C-alpha atoms as a PDB file:
ATOM      1  CA  UNK A   1     133.374   6.600  79.291  1.00  0.00           C
ATOM      2  CA  UNK A   2     137.201   8.228  79.402  1.00  0.00           C
ATOM      3  CA  UNK A   3     138.493  10.695  82.498  1.00  0.00           C
ATOM      4  CA  UNK A   4     139.527  12.228  79.555  1.00  0.00           C
ATOM      5  CA  UNK A   5     135.911  13.174  78.359  1.00  0.00           C
ATOM      6  CA  UNK A   6     134.315  13.962  81.881  1.00  0.00           C
ATOM      7  CA  UNK A   7     133.788  17.971  82.561  1.00  0.00           C
ATOM      8  CA  UNK A   8     136.578  18.085  84.208  1.00  0.00           C
ATOM      9  CA  UNK A   9     137.999  17.306  81.302  1.00  0.00           C
ATOM     10  CA  UNK A  10     139.973  15.074  83.418  1.00  0.00           C
ATOM     11  CA  UNK A  11     141.066  17.178  86.078  1.00  0.00           C
ATOM     12  CA  UNK A  12     139.786  15.532  89.411  1.00  0.00           C
ATOM     13  CA  UNK A  13     141.459  17.653  92.229  1.00  0.00           C
ATOM     14  CA  UNK A  14     138.823  20.477  92.025  1.00  0.00           C
ATOM     15  CA  UNK A  15     139.275  24.314  91.177  1.00  0.00           C
ATOM     16  CA  UNK A  16     143.155  25.213  92.557  1.00  0.00           C
ATOM     17  CA  UNK A  17     143.107  28.304  94.687  1.00  0.00           C
ATOM     18  CA  UNK A  18     145.567  30.891  93.707  1.00  0.00           C
ATOM     19  CA  UNK A  19     146.917  33.236  96.640  1.00  0.00           C
ATOM     20  CA  UNK A  20     149.440  36.466  96.312  1.00  0.00           C
ATOM     21  CA  UNK A  21     151.589  36.343  99.239  1.00  0.00           C
ATOM     22  CA  UNK A  22     154.016  39.387  97.531  1.00  0.00           C
ATOM     23  CA  UNK A  23     151.024  41.284  97.000  1.00  0.00           C
ATOM     24  CA  UNK A  24     149.719  44.179 100.052  1.00  0.00           C
ATOM     25  CA  UNK A  25     147.384  46.513  99.731  1.00  0.00           C
ATOM     26  CA  UNK A  26     148.708  50.265 100.221  1.00  0.00           C
ATOM     27  CA  UNK A  27     146.527  51.539 102.684  1.00  0.00           C
ATOM     28  CA  UNK A  28     145.165  54.866 102.113  1.00  0.00           C
ATOM     29  CA  UNK A  29     144.455  57.442 104.584  1.00  0.00           C
ATOM     30  CA  UNK A  30     141.189  59.138 103.034  1.00  0.00           C
ATOM     31  CA  UNK A  31     141.324  61.974 106.122  1.00  0.00           C
ATOM     32  CA  UNK A  32     143.597  64.609 104.717  1.00  0.00           C
ATOM     33  CA  UNK A  33     145.119  65.684 107.358  1.00  0.00           C
ATOM     34  CA  UNK A  34     146.431  69.524 107.365  1.00  0.00           C
ATOM     35  CA  UNK A  35     150.643  70.173 107.949  1.00  0.00           C
ATOM     36  CA  UNK A  36     151.485  71.887 110.753  1.00  0.00           C
ATOM     37  CA  UNK A  37     153.899  74.454 108.816  1.00  0.00           C
ATOM     38  CA  UNK A  38     156.249  74.984 112.583  1.00  0.00           C
ATOM     39  CA  UNK A  39     156.551  70.875 113.046  1.00  0.00           C
ATOM     40  CA  UNK A  40     157.262  71.304 108.920  1.00  0.00           C
ATOM     41  CA  UNK A  41     159.942  73.712 109.318  1.00  0.00           C
ATOM     42  CA  UNK A  42     160.885  71.492 112.709  1.00  0.00           C
ATOM     43  CA  UNK A  43     161.921  68.495 110.949  1.00  0.00           C
ATOM     44  CA  UNK A  44     164.178  70.540 107.679  1.00  0.00           C
ATOM     45  CA  UNK A  45     165.850  71.991 111.102  1.00  0.00           C
ATOM     46  CA  UNK A  46     166.568  68.249 112.241  1.00  0.00           C
ATOM     47  CA  UNK A  47     166.932  66.594 108.948  1.00  0.00           C
ATOM     48  CA  UNK A  48     169.761  69.849 108.201  1.00  0.00           C
ATOM     49  CA  UNK A  49     171.222  69.144 111.644  1.00  0.00           C
ATOM     50  CA  UNK A  50     171.257  65.191 111.065  1.00  0.00           C
ATOM     51  CA  UNK A  51     172.311  65.531 107.149  1.00  0.00           C
ATOM     52  CA  UNK A  52     169.298  64.172 105.899  1.00  0.00           C
ATOM     53  CA  UNK A  53     169.473  67.452 103.364  1.00  0.00           C
ATOM     54  CA  UNK A  54     171.741  69.930 102.562  1.00  0.00           C
ATOM     55  CA  UNK A  55     172.124  73.699 102.936  1.00  0.00           C
ATOM     56  CA  UNK A  56     171.162  73.194  98.912  1.00  0.00           C
ATOM     57  CA  UNK A  57     168.546  71.353  99.182  1.00  0.00           C
ATOM     58  CA  UNK A  58     167.261  73.947 101.987  1.00  0.00           C
ATOM     59  CA  UNK A  59     167.409  76.845  99.709  1.00  0.00           C
ATOM     60  CA  UNK A  60     165.461  74.879  96.645  1.00  0.00           C
ATOM     61  CA  UNK A  61     162.343  74.415  99.128  1.00  0.00           C
ATOM     62  CA  UNK A  62     162.276  78.049 100.242  1.00  0.00           C
ATOM     63  CA  UNK A  63     162.937  79.305  96.649  1.00  0.00           C
ATOM     64  CA  UNK A  64     160.026  77.316  95.519  1.00  0.00           C
ATOM     65  CA  UNK A  65     158.192  78.251  98.821  1.00  0.00           C
ATOM     66  CA  UNK A  66     158.937  82.057  98.119  1.00  0.00           C
ATOM     67  CA  UNK A  67     157.911  81.256  94.349  1.00  0.00           C
ATOM     68  CA  UNK A  68     154.213  79.847  95.725  1.00  0.00           C
ATOM     69  CA  UNK A  69     153.917  82.989  97.764  1.00  0.00           C
ATOM     70  CA  UNK A  70     155.529  85.601  95.118  1.00  0.00           C
ATOM     71  CA  UNK A  71     152.566  84.128  92.455  1.00  0.00           C
ATOM     72  CA  UNK A  72     150.004  84.550  94.873  1.00  0.00           C
ATOM     73  CA  UNK A  73     150.842  87.902  95.808  1.00  0.00           C
ATOM     74  CA  UNK A  74     150.935  88.561  91.935  1.00  0.00           C
ATOM     75  CA  UNK A  75     147.558  87.364  91.540  1.00  0.00           C
ATOM     76  CA  UNK A  76     145.735  88.802  94.788  1.00  0.00           C
ATOM     77  CA  UNK A  77     147.563  92.576  92.846  1.00  0.00           C
ATOM     78  CA  UNK A  78     146.120  91.637  89.371  1.00  0.00           C
ATOM     79  CA  UNK A  79     142.307  90.833  91.285  1.00  0.00           C
ATOM     80  CA  UNK A  80     142.626  94.262  93.193  1.00  0.00           C
ATOM     81  CA  UNK A  81     143.624  96.703  89.901  1.00  0.00           C
ATOM     82  CA  UNK A  82     141.237  95.288  88.096  1.00  0.00           C
ATOM     83  CA  UNK A  83     139.000  95.991  90.936  1.00  0.00           C
ATOM     84  CA  UNK A  84     139.720  99.265  91.251  1.00  0.00           C
ATOM     85  CA  UNK A  85     140.001  99.917  87.447  1.00  0.00           C
ATOM     86  CA  UNK A  86     136.377  98.828  87.610  1.00  0.00           C
ATOM     87  CA  UNK A  87     135.251 101.236  90.315  1.00  0.00           C
ATOM     88  CA  UNK A  88     136.678 104.274  88.214  1.00  0.00           C
ATOM     89  CA  UNK A  89     135.334 103.183  85.004  1.00  0.00           C
ATOM     90  CA  UNK A  90     131.519 103.499  87.480  1.00  0.00           C
ATOM     91  CA  UNK A  91     132.490 106.280  89.108  1.00  0.00           C
ATOM     92  CA  UNK A  92     132.718 108.007  85.236  1.00  0.00           C
ATOM     93  CA  UNK A  93     130.083 106.215  84.021  1.00  0.00           C
ATOM     94  CA  UNK A  94     127.760 108.014  87.660  1.00  0.00           C
ATOM     95  CA  UNK A  95     128.785 111.078  86.718  1.00  0.00           C
ATOM     96  CA  UNK A  96     128.562 111.012  83.001  1.00  0.00           C
ATOM     97  CA  UNK A  97     124.679 110.159  84.742  1.00  0.00           C
ATOM     98  CA  UNK A  98     124.175 113.123  87.304  1.00  0.00           C
ATOM     99  CA  UNK A  99     125.587 115.574  84.791  1.00  0.00           C
ATOM    100  CA  UNK A 100     122.799 114.179  82.582  1.00  0.00           C
ATOM    101  CA  UNK A 101     119.922 114.923  84.243  1.00  0.00           C
ATOM    102  CA  UNK A 102     121.345 118.277  86.005  1.00  0.00           C
ATOM    103  CA  UNK A 103     121.363 119.346  82.384  1.00  0.00           C
ATOM    104  CA  UNK A 104     118.183 118.038  81.561  1.00  0.00           C
ATOM    105  CA  UNK A 105     116.818 119.580  84.354  1.00  0.00           C
ATOM    106  CA  UNK A 106     117.514 122.799  83.757  1.00  0.00           C
ATOM    107  CA  UNK A 107     117.068 122.874  79.746  1.00  0.00           C
ATOM    108  CA  UNK A 108     113.201 120.937  80.765  1.00  0.00           C
ATOM    109  CA  UNK A 109     110.724 123.841  79.626  1.00  0.00           C
ATOM    110  CA  UNK A 110     108.365 123.970  82.288  1.00  0.00           C
ATOM    111  CA  UNK A 111     104.491 123.113  80.488  1.00  0.00           C
ATOM    112  CA  UNK A 112     107.047 120.562  79.228  1.00  0.00           C
ATOM    113  CA  UNK A 113     107.310 119.607  82.727  1.00  0.00           C
ATOM    114  CA  UNK A 114     103.819 120.516  83.757  1.00  0.00           C
ATOM    115  CA  UNK A 115     102.127 117.749  81.172  1.00  0.00           C
ATOM    116  CA  UNK A 116     104.333 114.830  82.263  1.00  0.00           C
ATOM    117  CA  UNK A 117     103.410 115.305  85.860  1.00  0.00           C
ATOM    118  CA  UNK A 118      99.991 115.664  84.254  1.00  0.00           C
ATOM    119  CA  UNK A 119     100.352 112.417  82.107  1.00  0.00           C
ATOM    120  CA  UNK A 120     102.024 110.962  85.596  1.00  0.00           C
ATOM    121  CA  UNK A 121      99.030 111.739  88.180  1.00  0.00           C
ATOM    122  CA  UNK A 122      96.035 113.100  86.270  1.00  0.00           C
ATOM    123  CA  UNK A 123      94.646 116.507  85.396  1.00  0.00           C
ATOM    124  CA  UNK A 124      92.897 116.424  88.195  1.00  0.00           C
ATOM    125  CA  UNK A 125      95.259 116.069  90.712  1.00  0.00           C
ATOM    126  CA  UNK A 126      97.485 118.844  88.587  1.00  0.00           C
ATOM    127  CA  UNK A 127      94.107 120.966  88.687  1.00  0.00           C
ATOM    128  CA  UNK A 128      93.772 120.649  92.631  1.00  0.00           C
ATOM    129  CA  UNK A 129      97.807 121.482  93.113  1.00  0.00           C
ATOM    130  CA  UNK A 130      97.387 124.480  90.610  1.00  0.00           C
ATOM    131  CA  UNK A 131      93.869 125.740  92.638  1.00  0.00           C
ATOM    132  CA  UNK A 132      96.003 125.243  95.812  1.00  0.00           C
ATOM    133  CA  UNK A 133      98.932 127.647  94.655  1.00  0.00           C
ATOM    134  CA  UNK A 134      96.405 130.574  93.846  1.00  0.00           C
ATOM    135  CA  UNK A 135      94.432 130.371  96.491  1.00  0.00           C
ATOM    136  CA  UNK A 136      97.597 131.228  99.255  1.00  0.00           C
END
């Protein structure tokens, strides 16, 4: 049998091992560290003093930071206005309900009130209350 007809197809040296010496996996730190604003400010000052950044670059950073702060302030302001509007609406609704209750209490006829109390407490209890009031 010829060597080409074997399982290895004529290759007798075993499987080749391929190594890549140029590929290095970058290290990813899973712990996200909070940035210290004072350290960042000091670094920007250092970069400016050493000529790694220009005044224009610092101004671009400042403008972007100001924009971020402005957006946050605007969002808070809109939320506050929305809450104040809802409070005002609720105050109006509560006052309206109070007025309705007050007008119902004034216009409700005494016989209707007694009938409602009899339904709620029972006729026996209402009769006992009437008797107590008559005796005093």
